[in-house]
Amino acid sequence: MKHLLSRVLALAVTLSISMGSAAFFTGEHLQEICLDKPNGLCLGFVRGFHAGLSMAAAELGRSPYYCWPENVTATQAVKIVSKFLEENPEHLHQPAQSLVYAALYIAFPCEDGQ
């Protein structure tokens, strides 16, 4: 699992390098807002990330590289991301979007190789 996590994070960090100042919003920052109640900012970040990646993938005619089940709510995804951040503190210095991607990629792998 750690080997897969390393590969996923390497890909996610590589993809996020082009985002410039967005990289200054780290996993540590995301973890802080996800711990606050209510978690509106965290929910918005995770939903926005998923929506943006899904739209970009659709424009390119690709899958977003993870397969979000139809019955999973954004609130559940926030819990998945929060758990990922909690279980991987050694990566909190990395860009938040990279960590959200890694959490969703690991939680929702595509079964048909998309």
Foldseek 3Di string as FASTA:
>chain_A
DVVLLVVLLVVLLVVCPVVPPLFVCFLVNLLVLLVDPPNPVNLCVLVVLVVVLCVVQVVVVHHSQFDDDPPDDSVNLSVQLNVQCVVCVVRRSTRNSSSSSSSRCVVGGDPVRD
